[in-house]
């Protein structure tokens, strides 16, 4: 179900969301609760923190619309409530790489 939700939301982002707050957004993953009542939608938003927050606000306000699109595709009786979260995995990976590069330079220096 998570992958289906990810595809529906990603398609909607490329076609259906007209909120000017929502910039370039990538849906990285969707985690659905065991009882299928909630789904955390993780998104990557490039840019400054203010741009990311603006995009998140736009996406959160569109959550009902995205949920209605998912209801058309899913075959389950209920559709999970969507919770949009910023995926900080890339930021963490970049920070780790910076730290490792600094250690390499210290060893060589």
PDB file of N, CA and C in Angstrom:
ATOM      1  N   UNK A   1       0.821  -1.188   0.000  1.00  0.00           N
ATOM      2  CA  UNK A   1       0.000   0.000   0.000  1.00  0.00           C
ATOM      3  C   UNK A   1       0.876   1.267   0.000  1.00  0.00           C
ATOM      4  N   UNK A   2       1.989   1.225   0.697  1.00  0.00           N
ATOM      5  CA  UNK A   2       2.874   2.381   0.748  1.00  0.00           C
ATOM      6  C   UNK A   2       3.378   2.795  -0.621  1.00  0.00           C
ATOM      7  N   UNK A   3       3.738   1.828  -1.421  1.00  0.00           N
ATOM      8  CA  UNK A   3       4.243   2.138  -2.769  1.00  0.00           C
ATOM      9  C   UNK A   3       3.134   2.707  -3.643  1.00  0.00           C
ATOM     10  N   UNK A   4       1.927   2.177  -3.519  1.00  0.00           N
ATOM     11  CA  UNK A   4       0.800   2.714  -4.290  1.00  0.00           C
ATOM     12  C   UNK A   4       0.532   4.158  -3.894  1.00  0.00           C
ATOM     13  N   UNK A   5       0.534   4.445  -2.599  1.00  0.00           N
ATOM     14  CA  UNK A   5       0.350   5.825  -2.133  1.00  0.00           C
ATOM     15  C   UNK A   5       1.450   6.732  -2.657  1.00  0.00           C
ATOM     16  N   UNK A   6       2.683   6.242  -2.628  1.00  0.00           N
ATOM     17  CA  UNK A   6       3.812   7.038  -3.119  1.00  0.00           C
ATOM     18  C   UNK A   6       3.611   7.404  -4.581  1.00  0.00           C
ATOM     19  N   UNK A   7       3.178   6.447  -5.392  1.00  0.00           N
ATOM     20  CA  UNK A   7       2.965   6.698  -6.811  1.00  0.00           C
ATOM     21  C   UNK A   7       1.829   7.684  -7.049  1.00  0.00           C
ATOM     22  N   UNK A   8       0.725   7.521  -6.322  1.00  0.00           N
ATOM     23  CA  UNK A   8      -0.423   8.417  -6.475  1.00  0.00           C
ATOM     24  C   UNK A   8      -0.029   9.845  -6.123  1.00  0.00           C
ATOM     25  N   UNK A   9       0.677  10.004  -5.010  1.00  0.00           N
ATOM     26  CA  UNK A   9       1.071  11.338  -4.562  1.00  0.00           C
ATOM     27  C   UNK A   9       2.096  11.950  -5.507  1.00  0.00           C
ATOM     28  N   UNK A  10       3.052  11.150  -5.960  1.00  0.00           N
ATOM     29  CA  UNK A  10       4.061  11.660  -6.900  1.00  0.00           C
ATOM     30  C   UNK A  10       3.402  12.110  -8.203  1.00  0.00           C
ATOM     31  N   UNK A  11       2.446  11.337  -8.695  1.00  0.00           N
ATOM     32  CA  UNK A  11       1.727  11.733  -9.913  1.00  0.00           C
ATOM     33  C   UNK A  11       0.957  13.027  -9.695  1.00  0.00           C
ATOM     34  N   UNK A  12       0.320  13.155  -8.544  1.00  0.00           N
ATOM     35  CA  UNK A  12      -0.440  14.368  -8.241  1.00  0.00           C
ATOM     36  C   UNK A  12       0.470  15.586  -8.162  1.00  0.00           C
ATOM     37  N   UNK A  13       1.668  15.389  -7.656  1.00  0.00           N
ATOM     38  CA  UNK A  13       2.609  16.509  -7.550  1.00  0.00           C
ATOM     39  C   UNK A  13       3.059  17.006  -8.922  1.00  0.00           C
ATOM     40  N   UNK A  14       3.129  16.098  -9.875  1.00  0.00           N
ATOM     41  CA  UNK A  14       3.553  16.513 -11.210  1.00  0.00           C
ATOM     42  C   UNK A  14       2.397  17.058 -12.045  1.00  0.00           C
ATOM     43  N   UNK A  15       1.149  16.722 -11.658  1.00  0.00           N
ATOM     44  CA  UNK A  15       0.011  17.121 -12.484  1.00  0.00           C
ATOM     45  C   UNK A  15      -1.029  17.990 -11.773  1.00  0.00           C
ATOM     46  N   UNK A  16      -1.361  17.633 -10.522  1.00  0.00           N
ATOM     47  CA  UNK A  16      -2.573  18.185  -9.952  1.00  0.00           C
ATOM     48  C   UNK A  16      -2.450  19.251  -8.888  1.00  0.00           C
ATOM     49  N   UNK A  17      -1.315  19.395  -8.249  1.00  0.00           N
ATOM     50  CA  UNK A  17      -1.182  20.377  -7.170  1.00  0.00           C
ATOM     51  C   UNK A  17      -0.816  21.724  -7.788  1.00  0.00           C
ATOM     52  N   UNK A  18      -1.688  22.700  -7.571  1.00  0.00           N
ATOM     53  CA  UNK A  18      -1.452  24.020  -8.162  1.00  0.00           C
ATOM     54  C   UNK A  18      -1.117  25.067  -7.103  1.00  0.00           C
ATOM     55  N   UNK A  19      -0.834  24.619  -5.908  1.00  0.00           N
ATOM     56  CA  UNK A  19      -0.496  25.530  -4.817  1.00  0.00           C
ATOM     57  C   UNK A  19       0.872  26.151  -5.103  1.00  0.00           C
ATOM     58  N   UNK A  20       0.948  27.475  -5.165  1.00  0.00           N
ATOM     59  CA  UNK A  20       2.232  28.125  -5.481  1.00  0.00           C
ATOM     60  C   UNK A  20       3.301  27.902  -4.413  1.00  0.00           C
ATOM     61  N   UNK A  21       2.888  27.488  -3.218  1.00  0.00           N
ATOM     62  CA  UNK A  21       3.871  27.224  -2.160  1.00  0.00           C
ATOM     63  C   UNK A  21       4.660  25.952  -2.420  1.00  0.00           C
ATOM     64  N   UNK A  22       4.066  25.046  -3.169  1.00  0.00           N
ATOM     65  CA  UNK A  22       4.698  23.751  -3.418  1.00  0.00           C
ATOM     66  C   UNK A  22       5.643  23.883  -4.601  1.00  0.00           C
ATOM     67  N   UNK A  23       6.927  23.778  -4.314  1.00  0.00           N
ATOM     68  CA  UNK A  23       7.935  23.840  -5.368  1.00  0.00           C
ATOM     69  C   UNK A  23       8.277  22.442  -5.853  1.00  0.00           C
ATOM     70  N   UNK A  24       9.534  22.252  -6.173  1.00  0.00           N
ATOM     71  CA  UNK A  24      10.006  20.938  -6.616  1.00  0.00           C
ATOM     72  C   UNK A  24      10.067  20.015  -5.404  1.00  0.00           C
ATOM     73  N   UNK A  25       9.272  18.963  -5.426  1.00  0.00           N
ATOM     74  CA  UNK A  25       9.166  18.034  -4.299  1.00  0.00           C
ATOM     75  C   UNK A  25       9.296  16.614  -4.827  1.00  0.00           C
ATOM     76  N   UNK A  26      10.050  15.785  -4.107  1.00  0.00           N
ATOM     77  CA  UNK A  26      10.182  14.376  -4.442  1.00  0.00           C
ATOM     78  C   UNK A  26       9.658  13.547  -3.281  1.00  0.00           C
ATOM     79  N   UNK A  27       8.765  12.626  -3.556  1.00  0.00           N
ATOM     80  CA  UNK A  27       8.268  11.712  -2.523  1.00  0.00           C
ATOM     81  C   UNK A  27       9.295  10.591  -2.405  1.00  0.00           C
ATOM     82  N   UNK A  28       9.947  10.508  -1.241  1.00  0.00           N
ATOM     83  CA  UNK A  28      11.016   9.521  -1.079  1.00  0.00           C
ATOM     84  C   UNK A  28      10.505   8.174  -0.590  1.00  0.00           C
ATOM     85  N   UNK A  29       9.526   8.219   0.323  1.00  0.00           N
ATOM     86  CA  UNK A  29       8.944   6.955   0.806  1.00  0.00           C
ATOM     87  C   UNK A  29       7.653   7.244   1.550  1.00  0.00           C
ATOM     88  N   UNK A  30       6.870   6.178   1.743  1.00  0.00           N
ATOM     89  CA  UNK A  30       5.622   6.260   2.503  1.00  0.00           C
ATOM     90  C   UNK A  30       5.600   5.086   3.465  1.00  0.00           C
ATOM     91  N   UNK A  31       5.379   5.387   4.743  1.00  0.00           N
ATOM     92  CA  UNK A  31       5.278   4.345   5.763  1.00  0.00           C
ATOM     93  C   UNK A  31       3.838   4.311   6.263  1.00  0.00           C
ATOM     94  N   UNK A  32       3.202   3.161   6.128  1.00  0.00           N
ATOM     95  CA  UNK A  32       1.804   3.000   6.519  1.00  0.00           C
ATOM     96  C   UNK A  32       1.753   2.265   7.857  1.00  0.00           C
ATOM     97  N   UNK A  33       0.896   2.754   8.771  1.00  0.00           N
ATOM     98  CA  UNK A  33       0.752   2.113  10.083  1.00  0.00           C
ATOM     99  C   UNK A  33       0.157   0.715   9.908  1.00  0.00           C
ATOM    100  N   UNK A  34       0.409  -0.178  10.867  1.00  0.00           N
ATOM    101  CA  UNK A  34      -0.104  -1.549  10.747  1.00  0.00           C
ATOM    102  C   UNK A  34      -1.618  -1.636  10.581  1.00  0.00           C
ATOM    103  N   UNK A  35      -2.350  -0.718  11.200  1.00  0.00           N
ATOM    104  CA  UNK A  35      -3.808  -0.760  11.074  1.00  0.00           C
ATOM    105  C   UNK A  35      -4.317   0.002   9.846  1.00  0.00           C
ATOM    106  N   UNK A  36      -3.406   0.504   9.023  1.00  0.00           N
ATOM    107  CA  UNK A  36      -3.701   1.202   7.770  1.00  0.00           C
ATOM    108  C   UNK A  36      -4.485   2.508   7.953  1.00  0.00           C
ATOM    109  N   UNK A  37      -4.449   3.072   9.147  1.00  0.00           N
ATOM    110  CA  UNK A  37      -5.210   4.297   9.384  1.00  0.00           C
ATOM    111  C   UNK A  37      -4.377   5.561   9.172  1.00  0.00           C
ATOM    112  N   UNK A  38      -3.064   5.437   9.213  1.00  0.00           N
ATOM    113  CA  UNK A  38      -2.184   6.591   9.042  1.00  0.00           C
ATOM    114  C   UNK A  38      -1.041   6.234   8.108  1.00  0.00           C
ATOM    115  N   UNK A  39      -0.591   7.240   7.369  1.00  0.00           N
ATOM    116  CA  UNK A  39       0.562   7.058   6.490  1.00  0.00           C
ATOM    117  C   UNK A  39       1.458   8.279   6.590  1.00  0.00           C
ATOM    118  N   UNK A  40       2.734   8.056   6.882  1.00  0.00           N
ATOM    119  CA  UNK A  40       3.712   9.135   6.880  1.00  0.00           C
ATOM    120  C   UNK A  40       4.303   9.214   5.481  1.00  0.00           C
ATOM    121  N   UNK A  41       4.167  10.378   4.878  1.00  0.00           N
ATOM    122  CA  UNK A  41       4.674  10.613   3.533  1.00  0.00           C
ATOM    123  C   UNK A  41       5.929  11.456   3.671  1.00  0.00           C
ATOM    124  N   UNK A  42       7.075  10.879   3.337  1.00  0.00           N
ATOM    125  CA  UNK A  42       8.346  11.588   3.448  1.00  0.00           C
ATOM    126  C   UNK A  42       8.688  12.212   2.099  1.00  0.00           C
ATOM    127  N   UNK A  43       9.018  13.493   2.143  1.00  0.00           N
ATOM    128  CA  UNK A  43       9.331  14.218   0.919  1.00  0.00           C
ATOM    129  C   UNK A  43      10.691  14.898   1.050  1.00  0.00           C
ATOM    130  N   UNK A  44      11.368  15.019  -0.074  1.00  0.00           N
ATOM    131  CA  UNK A  44      12.623  15.771  -0.150  1.00  0.00           C
ATOM    132  C   UNK A  44      12.329  17.056  -0.902  1.00  0.00           C
ATOM    133  N   UNK A  45      12.735  18.176  -0.295  1.00  0.00           N
ATOM    134  CA  UNK A  45      12.507  19.486  -0.887  1.00  0.00           C
ATOM    135  C   UNK A  45      13.851  20.206  -0.927  1.00  0.00           C
ATOM    136  N   UNK A  46      14.385  20.463  -2.109  1.00  0.00           N
ATOM    137  CA  UNK A  46      15.665  21.168  -2.175  1.00  0.00           C
ATOM    138  C   UNK A  46      15.487  22.639  -1.794  1.00  0.00           C
ATOM    139  N   UNK A  47      16.580  23.259  -1.397  1.00  0.00           N
ATOM    140  CA  UNK A  47      16.534  24.686  -1.111  1.00  0.00           C
ATOM    141  C   UNK A  47      16.727  25.014   0.344  1.00  0.00           C
ATOM    142  N   UNK A  48      16.476  26.268   0.662  1.00  0.00           N
ATOM    143  CA  UNK A  48      16.637  26.777   2.016  1.00  0.00           C
ATOM    144  C   UNK A  48      15.515  26.279   2.915  1.00  0.00           C
ATOM    145  N   UNK A  49      15.722  26.403   4.217  1.00  0.00           N
ATOM    146  CA  UNK A  49      14.747  25.936   5.196  1.00  0.00           C
ATOM    147  C   UNK A  49      13.392  26.626   5.012  1.00  0.00           C
ATOM    148  N   UNK A  50      13.404  27.917   4.691  1.00  0.00           N
ATOM    149  CA  UNK A  50      12.141  28.644   4.500  1.00  0.00           C
ATOM    150  C   UNK A  50      11.372  28.095   3.299  1.00  0.00           C
ATOM    151  N   UNK A  51      12.078  27.767   2.219  1.00  0.00           N
ATOM    152  CA  UNK A  51      11.439  27.183   1.036  1.00  0.00           C
ATOM    153  C   UNK A  51      10.867  25.799   1.355  1.00  0.00           C
ATOM    154  N   UNK A  52      11.625  25.028   2.126  1.00  0.00           N
ATOM    155  CA  UNK A  52      11.163  23.703   2.502  1.00  0.00           C
ATOM    156  C   UNK A  52       9.896  23.794   3.349  1.00  0.00           C
ATOM    157  N   UNK A  53       9.887  24.712   4.311  1.00  0.00           N
ATOM    158  CA  UNK A  53       8.723  24.867   5.186  1.00  0.00           C
ATOM    159  C   UNK A  53       7.502  25.324   4.400  1.00  0.00           C
ATOM    160  N   UNK A  54       7.714  26.216   3.442  1.00  0.00           N
ATOM    161  CA  UNK A  54       6.618  26.696   2.595  1.00  0.00           C
ATOM    162  C   UNK A  54       6.020  25.543   1.785  1.00  0.00           C
ATOM    163  N   UNK A  55       6.879  24.719   1.222  1.00  0.00           N
ATOM    164  CA  UNK A  55       6.394  23.568   0.454  1.00  0.00           C
ATOM    165  C   UNK A  55       5.646  22.590   1.348  1.00  0.00           C
ATOM    166  N   UNK A  56       6.162  22.366   2.555  1.00  0.00           N
ATOM    167  CA  UNK A  56       5.482  21.462   3.484  1.00  0.00           C
ATOM    168  C   UNK A  56       4.101  21.992   3.851  1.00  0.00           C
ATOM    169  N   UNK A  57       3.987  23.295   4.082  1.00  0.00           N
ATOM    170  CA  UNK A  57       2.678  23.886   4.387  1.00  0.00           C
ATOM    171  C   UNK A  57       1.694  23.652   3.242  1.00  0.00           C
ATOM    172  N   UNK A  58       2.156  23.862   2.016  1.00  0.00           N
ATOM    173  CA  UNK A  58       1.303  23.639   0.849  1.00  0.00           C
ATOM    174  C   UNK A  58       0.879  22.192   0.718  1.00  0.00           C
ATOM    175  N   UNK A  59       1.819  21.285   0.951  1.00  0.00           N
ATOM    176  CA  UNK A  59       1.499  19.855   0.858  1.00  0.00           C
ATOM    177  C   UNK A  59       0.534  19.428   1.962  1.00  0.00           C
ATOM    178  N   UNK A  60       0.748  19.941   3.156  1.00  0.00           N
ATOM    179  CA  UNK A  60      -0.137  19.585   4.268  1.00  0.00           C
ATOM    180  C   UNK A  60      -1.550  20.095   4.026  1.00  0.00           C
ATOM    181  N   UNK A  61      -1.664  21.267   3.410  1.00  0.00           N
ATOM    182  CA  UNK A  61      -3.009  21.773   3.118  1.00  0.00           C
ATOM    183  C   UNK A  61      -3.669  20.981   1.986  1.00  0.00           C
ATOM    184  N   UNK A  62      -2.872  20.321   1.163  1.00  0.00           N
ATOM    185  CA  UNK A  62      -3.402  19.512   0.057  1.00  0.00           C
ATOM    186  C   UNK A  62      -3.589  18.048   0.446  1.00  0.00           C
ATOM    187  N   UNK A  63      -3.343  17.706   1.701  1.00  0.00           N
ATOM    188  CA  UNK A  63      -3.410  16.300   2.132  1.00  0.00           C
ATOM    189  C   UNK A  63      -4.790  15.694   1.891  1.00  0.00           C
ATOM    190  N   UNK A  64      -5.847  16.449   2.109  1.00  0.00           N
ATOM    191  CA  UNK A  64      -7.196  15.934   1.867  1.00  0.00           C
ATOM    192  C   UNK A  64      -7.418  15.608   0.397  1.00  0.00           C
ATOM    193  N   UNK A  65      -6.949  16.494  -0.463  1.00  0.00           N
ATOM    194  CA  UNK A  65      -7.054  16.264  -1.906  1.00  0.00           C
ATOM    195  C   UNK A  65      -6.259  15.016  -2.305  1.00  0.00           C
ATOM    196  N   UNK A  66      -5.033  14.903  -1.777  1.00  0.00           N
ATOM    197  CA  UNK A  66      -4.199  13.746  -2.097  1.00  0.00           C
ATOM    198  C   UNK A  66      -4.846  12.452  -1.599  1.00  0.00           C
ATOM    199  N   UNK A  67      -5.475  12.532  -0.441  1.00  0.00           N
ATOM    200  CA  UNK A  67      -6.155  11.370   0.122  1.00  0.00           C
ATOM    201  C   UNK A  67      -7.340  10.958  -0.759  1.00  0.00           C
ATOM    202  N   UNK A  68      -8.058  11.937  -1.289  1.00  0.00           N
ATOM    203  CA  UNK A  68      -9.188  11.601  -2.161  1.00  0.00           C
ATOM    204  C   UNK A  68      -8.710  10.951  -3.453  1.00  0.00           C
ATOM    205  N   UNK A  69      -7.561  11.389  -3.969  1.00  0.00           N
ATOM    206  CA  UNK A  69      -6.986  10.735  -5.152  1.00  0.00           C
ATOM    207  C   UNK A  69      -6.601   9.295  -4.833  1.00  0.00           C
ATOM    208  N   UNK A  70      -6.034   9.085  -3.653  1.00  0.00           N
ATOM    209  CA  UNK A  70      -5.633   7.738  -3.252  1.00  0.00           C
ATOM    210  C   UNK A  70      -6.857   6.839  -3.099  1.00  0.00           C
ATOM    211  N   UNK A  71      -7.982   7.401  -2.627  1.00  0.00           N
ATOM    212  CA  UNK A  71      -9.199   6.610  -2.441  1.00  0.00           C
ATOM    213  C   UNK A  71      -9.697   6.034  -3.757  1.00  0.00           C
ATOM    214  N   UNK A  72      -9.442   6.732  -4.846  1.00  0.00           N
ATOM    215  CA  UNK A  72      -9.873   6.236  -6.159  1.00  0.00           C
ATOM    216  C   UNK A  72      -9.067   5.032  -6.627  1.00  0.00           C
ATOM    217  N   UNK A  73      -7.842   4.922  -6.113  1.00  0.00           N
ATOM    218  CA  UNK A  73      -6.936   3.875  -6.577  1.00  0.00           C
ATOM    219  C   UNK A  73      -6.910   2.674  -5.636  1.00  0.00           C
ATOM    220  N   UNK A  74      -6.965   2.939  -4.333  1.00  0.00           N
ATOM    221  CA  UNK A  74      -6.855   1.865  -3.352  1.00  0.00           C
ATOM    222  C   UNK A  74      -8.126   1.025  -3.330  1.00  0.00           C
ATOM    223  N   UNK A  75      -7.967  -0.248  -3.041  1.00  0.00           N
ATOM    224  CA  UNK A  75      -9.101  -1.156  -2.985  1.00  0.00           C
ATOM    225  C   UNK A  75      -9.536  -1.434  -1.544  1.00  0.00           C
ATOM    226  N   UNK A  76      -8.902  -0.784  -0.584  1.00  0.00           N
ATOM    227  CA  UNK A  76      -9.254  -0.989   0.816  1.00  0.00           C
ATOM    228  C   UNK A  76     -10.498  -0.184   1.181  1.00  0.00           C
ATOM    229  N   UNK A  77     -11.132  -0.572   2.284  1.00  0.00           N
ATOM    230  CA  UNK A  77     -12.339   0.138   2.723  1.00  0.00           C
ATOM    231  C   UNK A  77     -12.020   1.543   3.206  1.00  0.00           C
ATOM    232  N   UNK A  78     -10.876   1.703   3.828  1.00  0.00           N
ATOM    233  CA  UNK A  78     -10.514   3.026   4.330  1.00  0.00           C
ATOM    234  C   UNK A  78      -9.192   3.465   3.707  1.00  0.00           C
ATOM    235  N   UNK A  79      -9.006   4.762   3.699  1.00  0.00           N
ATOM    236  CA  UNK A  79      -7.780   5.354   3.148  1.00  0.00           C
ATOM    237  C   UNK A  79      -7.033   5.992   4.307  1.00  0.00           C
ATOM    238  N   UNK A  80      -5.744   5.736   4.433  1.00  0.00           N
ATOM    239  CA  UNK A  80      -4.996   6.285   5.555  1.00  0.00           C
ATOM    240  C   UNK A  80      -4.982   7.815   5.559  1.00  0.00           C
ATOM    241  N   UNK A  81      -4.954   8.375   6.753  1.00  0.00           N
ATOM    242  CA  UNK A  81      -4.765   9.808   6.910  1.00  0.00           C
ATOM    243  C   UNK A  81      -3.298  10.109   6.595  1.00  0.00           C
ATOM    244  N   UNK A  82      -3.053  11.109   5.778  1.00  0.00           N
ATOM    245  CA  UNK A  82      -1.693  11.417   5.325  1.00  0.00           C
ATOM    246  C   UNK A  82      -1.034  12.444   6.232  1.00  0.00           C
ATOM    247  N   UNK A  83       0.197  12.139   6.616  1.00  0.00           N
ATOM    248  CA  UNK A  83       1.018  13.045   7.424  1.00  0.00           C
ATOM    249  C   UNK A  83       2.285  13.328   6.626  1.00  0.00           C
ATOM    250  N   UNK A  84       2.445  14.562   6.187  1.00  0.00           N
ATOM    251  CA  UNK A  84       3.583  14.937   5.343  1.00  0.00           C
ATOM    252  C   UNK A  84       4.765  15.321   6.227  1.00  0.00           C
ATOM    253  N   UNK A  85       5.916  14.704   5.996  1.00  0.00           N
ATOM    254  CA  UNK A  85       7.125  14.964   6.774  1.00  0.00           C
ATOM    255  C   UNK A  85       8.298  15.214   5.828  1.00  0.00           C
ATOM    256  N   UNK A  86       9.216  16.037   6.275  1.00  0.00           N
ATOM    257  CA  UNK A  86      10.423  16.299   5.506  1.00  0.00           C
ATOM    258  C   UNK A  86      11.403  15.157   5.727  1.00  0.00           C
ATOM    259  N   UNK A  87      11.903  14.580   4.652  1.00  0.00           N
ATOM    260  CA  UNK A  87      12.884  13.499   4.734  1.00  0.00           C
ATOM    261  C   UNK A  87      14.265  14.134   4.849  1.00  0.00           C
ATOM    262  N   UNK A  88      14.873  13.981   5.985  1.00  0.00           N
ATOM    263  CA  UNK A  88      16.176  14.590   6.235  1.00  0.00           C
ATOM    264  C   UNK A  88      17.325  13.609   5.993  1.00  0.00           C
ATOM    265  N   UNK A  89      17.026  12.485   5.382  1.00  0.00           N
ATOM    266  CA  UNK A  89      18.047  11.473   5.123  1.00  0.00           C
ATOM    267  C   UNK A  89      19.196  11.980   4.282  1.00  0.00           C
ATOM    268  N   UNK A  90      18.897  12.738   3.228  1.00  0.00           N
ATOM    269  CA  UNK A  90      19.961  13.265   2.374  1.00  0.00           C
ATOM    270  C   UNK A  90      20.821  14.282   3.116  1.00  0.00           C
ATOM    271  N   UNK A  91      20.189  15.107   3.928  1.00  0.00           N
ATOM    272  CA  UNK A  91      20.944  16.084   4.715  1.00  0.00           C
ATOM    273  C   UNK A  91      21.903  15.373   5.665  1.00  0.00           C
ATOM    274  N   UNK A  92      21.409  14.325   6.326  1.00  0.00           N
ATOM    275  CA  UNK A  92      22.251  13.568   7.251  1.00  0.00           C
ATOM    276  C   UNK A  92      23.398  12.885   6.507  1.00  0.00           C
ATOM    277  N   UNK A  93      23.105  12.312   5.359  1.00  0.00           N
ATOM    278  CA  UNK A  93      24.146  11.641   4.578  1.00  0.00           C
ATOM    279  C   UNK A  93      25.216  12.639   4.132  1.00  0.00           C
ATOM    280  N   UNK A  94      24.799  13.817   3.696  1.00  0.00           N
ATOM    281  CA  UNK A  94      25.768  14.843   3.290  1.00  0.00           C
ATOM    282  C   UNK A  94      26.622  15.291   4.467  1.00  0.00           C
ATOM    283  N   UNK A  95      26.015  15.449   5.624  1.00  0.00           N
ATOM    284  CA  UNK A  95      26.762  15.868   6.816  1.00  0.00           C
ATOM    285  C   UNK A  95      27.783  14.807   7.211  1.00  0.00           C
ATOM    286  N   UNK A  96      27.402  13.541   7.156  1.00  0.00           N
ATOM    287  CA  UNK A  96      28.327  12.447   7.477  1.00  0.00           C
ATOM    288  C   UNK A  96      29.493  12.442   6.490  1.00  0.00           C
ATOM    289  N   UNK A  97      29.179  12.640   5.196  1.00  0.00           N
ATOM    290  CA  UNK A  97      30.244  12.686   4.197  1.00  0.00           C
ATOM    291  C   UNK A  97      31.199  13.845   4.454  1.00  0.00           C
ATOM    292  N   UNK A  98      30.678  14.998   4.853  1.00  0.00           N
ATOM    293  CA  UNK A  98      31.528  16.144   5.176  1.00  0.00           C
ATOM    294  C   UNK A  98      32.450  15.825   6.353  1.00  0.00           C
ATOM    295  N   UNK A  99      31.892  15.191   7.384  1.00  0.00           N
ATOM    296  CA  UNK A  99      32.698  14.833   8.548  1.00  0.00           C
ATOM    297  C   UNK A  99      33.786  13.830   8.182  1.00  0.00           C
ATOM    298  N   UNK A 100      33.421  12.826   7.382  1.00  0.00           N
ATOM    299  CA  UNK A 100      34.411  11.830   6.969  1.00  0.00           C
ATOM    300  C   UNK A 100      35.507  12.460   6.115  1.00  0.00           C
ATOM    301  N   UNK A 101      35.134  13.371   5.238  1.00  0.00           N
ATOM    302  CA  UNK A 101      36.126  14.050   4.412  1.00  0.00           C
ATOM    303  C   UNK A 101      37.064  14.883   5.279  1.00  0.00           C
ATOM    304  N   UNK A 102      36.526  15.531   6.297  1.00  0.00           N
ATOM    305  CA  UNK A 102      37.366  16.296   7.230  1.00  0.00           C
ATOM    306  C   UNK A 102      38.347  15.396   7.952  1.00  0.00           C
ATOM    307  N   UNK A 103      37.922  14.223   8.358  1.00  0.00           N
ATOM    308  CA  UNK A 103      38.826  13.274   9.031  1.00  0.00           C
ATOM    309  C   UNK A 103      39.917  12.802   8.077  1.00  0.00           C
ATOM    310  N   UNK A 104      39.556  12.549   6.820  1.00  0.00           N
ATOM    311  CA  UNK A 104      40.556  12.121   5.827  1.00  0.00           C
ATOM    312  C   UNK A 104      41.618  13.193   5.619  1.00  0.00           C
ATOM    313  N   UNK A 105      41.174  14.457   5.547  1.00  0.00           N
ATOM    314  CA  UNK A 105      42.110  15.563   5.365  1.00  0.00           C
ATOM    315  C   UNK A 105      43.043  15.708   6.558  1.00  0.00           C
ATOM    316  N   UNK A 106      42.512  15.497   7.773  1.00  0.00           N
ATOM    317  CA  UNK A 106      43.346  15.571   8.979  1.00  0.00           C
ATOM    318  C   UNK A 106      44.402  14.475   8.977  1.00  0.00           C
ATOM    319  N   UNK A 107      44.012  13.256   8.559  1.00  0.00           N
ATOM    320  CA  UNK A 107      44.955  12.145   8.508  1.00  0.00           C
ATOM    321  C   UNK A 107      46.061  12.389   7.481  1.00  0.00           C
ATOM    322  N   UNK A 108      45.698  13.000   6.357  1.00  0.00           N
ATOM    323  CA  UNK A 108      46.666  13.260   5.291  1.00  0.00           C
ATOM    324  C   UNK A 108      47.531  14.482   5.589  1.00  0.00           C
ATOM    325  N   UNK A 109      46.965  15.438   6.357  1.00  0.00           N
ATOM    326  CA  UNK A 109      47.629  16.721   6.599  1.00  0.00           C
ATOM    327  C   UNK A 109      48.735  16.610   7.557  1.00  0.00           C
TER     328      UNK A 109
END
